[in-house]
N, C-alpha and C. Protein backbone atom coordinates (compact mmCIF):
# COMPACT_ATOMS: atom_id res chain seq x y z
N MET A 1 -46.87 -15.02 16.06
CA MET A 1 -47.01 -13.94 15.10
C MET A 1 -48.47 -13.64 14.81
N ILE A 2 -49.29 -14.67 14.72
CA ILE A 2 -50.70 -14.44 14.39
C ILE A 2 -51.45 -13.84 15.56
N THR A 3 -51.00 -14.06 16.80
CA THR A 3 -51.69 -13.48 17.95
C THR A 3 -51.51 -11.97 17.99
N GLY A 4 -50.39 -11.45 17.46
CA GLY A 4 -50.19 -10.00 17.40
C GLY A 4 -51.20 -9.34 16.49
N LYS A 5 -51.51 -9.96 15.36
CA LYS A 5 -52.50 -9.40 14.44
C LYS A 5 -53.88 -9.43 15.06
N ILE A 6 -54.17 -10.49 15.77
CA ILE A 6 -55.48 -10.60 16.42
C ILE A 6 -55.62 -9.53 17.49
N THR A 7 -54.58 -9.31 18.27
CA THR A 7 -54.63 -8.31 19.32
C THR A 7 -54.73 -6.91 18.73
N LEU A 8 -54.02 -6.63 17.65
CA LEU A 8 -54.11 -5.32 17.02
C LEU A 8 -55.50 -5.07 16.44
N ARG A 9 -56.11 -6.10 15.87
CA ARG A 9 -57.47 -5.94 15.36
C ARG A 9 -58.42 -5.55 16.48
N LEU A 10 -58.32 -6.24 17.60
CA LEU A 10 -59.18 -5.94 18.73
C LEU A 10 -58.87 -4.54 19.28
N LEU A 11 -57.61 -4.21 19.40
CA LEU A 11 -57.21 -2.91 19.95
C LEU A 11 -57.73 -1.77 19.07
N PHE A 12 -57.49 -1.84 17.77
CA PHE A 12 -57.93 -0.78 16.88
C PHE A 12 -59.45 -0.75 16.75
N GLY A 13 -60.09 -1.91 16.76
CA GLY A 13 -61.54 -1.95 16.70
C GLY A 13 -62.18 -1.33 17.92
N ALA A 14 -61.66 -1.67 19.10
CA ALA A 14 -62.22 -1.12 20.33
C ALA A 14 -61.97 0.39 20.42
N ALA A 15 -60.78 0.82 20.01
CA ALA A 15 -60.49 2.26 20.02
C ALA A 15 -61.40 3.01 19.05
N GLN A 16 -61.66 2.43 17.90
CA GLN A 16 -62.53 3.06 16.92
C GLN A 16 -63.97 3.12 17.42
N VAL A 17 -64.42 2.09 18.09
CA VAL A 17 -65.78 2.10 18.66
C VAL A 17 -65.89 3.18 19.73
N ILE A 18 -64.90 3.28 20.59
CA ILE A 18 -64.94 4.29 21.66
C ILE A 18 -64.94 5.69 21.07
N LEU A 19 -64.08 5.95 20.09
CA LEU A 19 -64.05 7.27 19.46
C LEU A 19 -65.34 7.58 18.72
N ALA A 20 -65.93 6.57 18.09
CA ALA A 20 -67.20 6.78 17.39
C ALA A 20 -68.30 7.14 18.37
N LEU A 21 -68.34 6.48 19.51
CA LEU A 21 -69.34 6.80 20.52
C LEU A 21 -69.14 8.20 21.08
N LEU A 22 -67.89 8.63 21.21
CA LEU A 22 -67.63 10.01 21.66
C LEU A 22 -68.08 11.03 20.62
N VAL A 23 -67.86 10.75 19.34
CA VAL A 23 -68.30 11.66 18.28
C VAL A 23 -69.82 11.75 18.27
N ILE A 24 -70.49 10.63 18.42
CA ILE A 24 -71.96 10.63 18.47
C ILE A 24 -72.45 11.39 19.70
N ALA A 25 -71.76 11.23 20.82
CA ALA A 25 -72.14 11.96 22.04
C ALA A 25 -71.97 13.47 21.86
N VAL A 26 -70.91 13.89 21.19
CA VAL A 26 -70.70 15.32 20.93
C VAL A 26 -71.79 15.84 19.99
N ALA A 27 -72.16 15.05 18.99
CA ALA A 27 -73.23 15.48 18.07
C ALA A 27 -74.55 15.64 18.82
N LEU A 28 -74.87 14.70 19.69
CA LEU A 28 -76.11 14.81 20.45
C LEU A 28 -76.05 15.96 21.45
N ASP A 29 -74.87 16.21 22.00
CA ASP A 29 -74.73 17.34 22.91
C ASP A 29 -74.89 18.66 22.16
N LEU A 30 -74.38 18.74 20.94
CA LEU A 30 -74.58 19.95 20.15
C LEU A 30 -76.06 20.18 19.87
N LYS A 31 -76.76 19.12 19.58
CA LYS A 31 -78.19 19.25 19.26
C LYS A 31 -79.01 19.68 20.48
N PHE A 32 -78.77 19.05 21.61
CA PHE A 32 -79.59 19.31 22.80
C PHE A 32 -78.94 20.29 23.78
N ASN A 33 -77.70 20.70 23.51
CA ASN A 33 -76.97 21.72 24.29
C ASN A 33 -76.91 21.37 25.78
N ILE A 34 -76.53 20.14 26.07
CA ILE A 34 -76.47 19.68 27.46
C ILE A 34 -75.33 20.34 28.23
N PHE A 35 -74.13 20.33 27.67
CA PHE A 35 -72.95 20.89 28.33
C PHE A 35 -72.56 22.25 27.75
N ASP A 36 -73.48 22.91 27.07
CA ASP A 36 -73.28 24.25 26.54
C ASP A 36 -72.16 24.31 25.49
N PHE A 37 -72.08 23.27 24.65
CA PHE A 37 -71.07 23.24 23.60
C PHE A 37 -71.36 24.25 22.49
N GLN A 38 -72.62 24.61 22.31
CA GLN A 38 -72.96 25.55 21.24
C GLN A 38 -72.30 26.91 21.47
N THR A 39 -72.31 27.39 22.68
CA THR A 39 -71.67 28.67 22.96
C THR A 39 -70.16 28.52 23.11
N MET A 40 -69.70 27.37 23.62
CA MET A 40 -68.27 27.17 23.77
C MET A 40 -67.56 27.14 22.42
N PHE A 41 -68.17 26.48 21.42
CA PHE A 41 -67.60 26.42 20.08
C PHE A 41 -68.09 27.55 19.18
N ASN A 42 -68.96 28.42 19.70
CA ASN A 42 -69.50 29.56 18.98
C ASN A 42 -70.15 29.15 17.66
N ILE A 43 -71.10 28.22 17.74
CA ILE A 43 -71.79 27.69 16.57
C ILE A 43 -73.13 28.41 16.43
N SER A 44 -73.36 28.96 15.25
CA SER A 44 -74.63 29.65 15.03
C SER A 44 -75.75 28.63 14.84
N GLN A 45 -76.97 29.08 15.01
CA GLN A 45 -78.12 28.19 14.87
C GLN A 45 -78.31 27.75 13.42
N ASP A 46 -77.85 28.56 12.47
CA ASP A 46 -77.97 28.19 11.06
C ASP A 46 -77.10 26.99 10.71
N ALA A 47 -75.91 26.94 11.28
CA ALA A 47 -74.96 25.87 10.96
C ALA A 47 -75.08 24.66 11.89
N LEU A 48 -75.93 24.75 12.90
CA LEU A 48 -76.00 23.70 13.91
C LEU A 48 -76.42 22.36 13.32
N ASN A 49 -77.48 22.35 12.52
CA ASN A 49 -77.95 21.08 11.95
C ASN A 49 -76.91 20.47 11.01
N TYR A 50 -76.18 21.30 10.29
CA TYR A 50 -75.12 20.80 9.40
C TYR A 50 -74.06 20.04 10.21
N TYR A 51 -73.61 20.64 11.31
CA TYR A 51 -72.59 19.99 12.14
C TYR A 51 -73.11 18.71 12.79
N VAL A 52 -74.35 18.73 13.24
CA VAL A 52 -74.91 17.56 13.89
C VAL A 52 -75.02 16.40 12.91
N VAL A 53 -75.53 16.66 11.71
CA VAL A 53 -75.65 15.59 10.70
C VAL A 53 -74.28 15.09 10.28
N LEU A 54 -73.32 15.98 10.10
CA LEU A 54 -71.97 15.58 9.72
C LEU A 54 -71.32 14.71 10.79
N LEU A 55 -71.44 15.11 12.04
CA LEU A 55 -70.85 14.32 13.13
C LEU A 55 -71.56 12.98 13.30
N LEU A 56 -72.87 12.97 13.18
CA LEU A 56 -73.59 11.70 13.29
C LEU A 56 -73.22 10.75 12.16
N ALA A 57 -73.09 11.27 10.94
CA ALA A 57 -72.73 10.41 9.81
C ALA A 57 -71.35 9.80 10.02
N PHE A 58 -70.37 10.63 10.37
CA PHE A 58 -69.03 10.09 10.61
C PHE A 58 -69.00 9.15 11.81
N GLY A 59 -69.73 9.47 12.85
CA GLY A 59 -69.76 8.61 14.03
C GLY A 59 -70.35 7.25 13.72
N ILE A 60 -71.41 7.21 12.95
CA ILE A 60 -72.03 5.93 12.61
C ILE A 60 -71.12 5.12 11.70
N ILE A 61 -70.47 5.78 10.74
CA ILE A 61 -69.55 5.06 9.85
C ILE A 61 -68.37 4.50 10.64
N PHE A 62 -67.81 5.29 11.55
CA PHE A 62 -66.70 4.81 12.37
C PHE A 62 -67.15 3.69 13.30
N LEU A 63 -68.35 3.78 13.82
CA LEU A 63 -68.87 2.73 14.70
C LEU A 63 -69.02 1.42 13.95
N ILE A 64 -69.55 1.47 12.75
CA ILE A 64 -69.71 0.25 11.96
C ILE A 64 -68.34 -0.34 11.61
N GLY A 65 -67.39 0.50 11.25
CA GLY A 65 -66.04 0.00 10.95
C GLY A 65 -65.38 -0.65 12.15
N GLY A 66 -65.51 -0.03 13.31
CA GLY A 66 -64.93 -0.60 14.51
C GLY A 66 -65.59 -1.91 14.91
N LEU A 67 -66.91 -1.98 14.75
CA LEU A 67 -67.60 -3.22 15.07
C LEU A 67 -67.21 -4.34 14.11
N PHE A 68 -66.98 -4.01 12.85
CA PHE A 68 -66.50 -5.03 11.91
C PHE A 68 -65.11 -5.53 12.29
N LEU A 69 -64.24 -4.65 12.76
CA LEU A 69 -62.92 -5.09 13.20
C LEU A 69 -63.02 -6.02 14.41
N VAL A 70 -63.86 -5.67 15.36
CA VAL A 70 -64.04 -6.53 16.54
C VAL A 70 -64.67 -7.85 16.13
N TYR A 71 -65.63 -7.81 15.22
CA TYR A 71 -66.27 -9.05 14.74
C TYR A 71 -65.26 -9.93 14.00
N ASP A 72 -64.39 -9.31 13.21
CA ASP A 72 -63.36 -10.08 12.50
C ASP A 72 -62.40 -10.75 13.48
N TRP A 73 -62.05 -10.02 14.56
CA TRP A 73 -61.19 -10.61 15.59
C TRP A 73 -61.93 -11.76 16.27
N TRP A 74 -63.21 -11.55 16.57
CA TRP A 74 -63.98 -12.58 17.26
C TRP A 74 -64.08 -13.85 16.42
N GLU A 75 -64.30 -13.73 15.11
CA GLU A 75 -64.43 -14.89 14.23
C GLU A 75 -63.10 -15.61 14.01
N SER A 76 -62.00 -14.91 14.14
CA SER A 76 -60.70 -15.55 13.87
C SER A 76 -60.10 -16.19 15.12
N ARG A 77 -60.78 -16.10 16.26
CA ARG A 77 -60.26 -16.71 17.50
C ARG A 77 -60.29 -18.20 17.44
């Protein structure tokens, strides 16, 4: 029974880290317009910095949360 909780912690932590890295990558792509996301999402230059800061903030918070879940799984092994 306890191994299921450990596996779920690792699974959700790893998924959260991956999603956080994707959110951060989208924020950086919006800023530097690598894959032309600014025109694809029709984002004006006035609102661009708002979206980038918002995505970076959520990405960093999700990354820290996911890393804490993985660390908790690692310490309970």
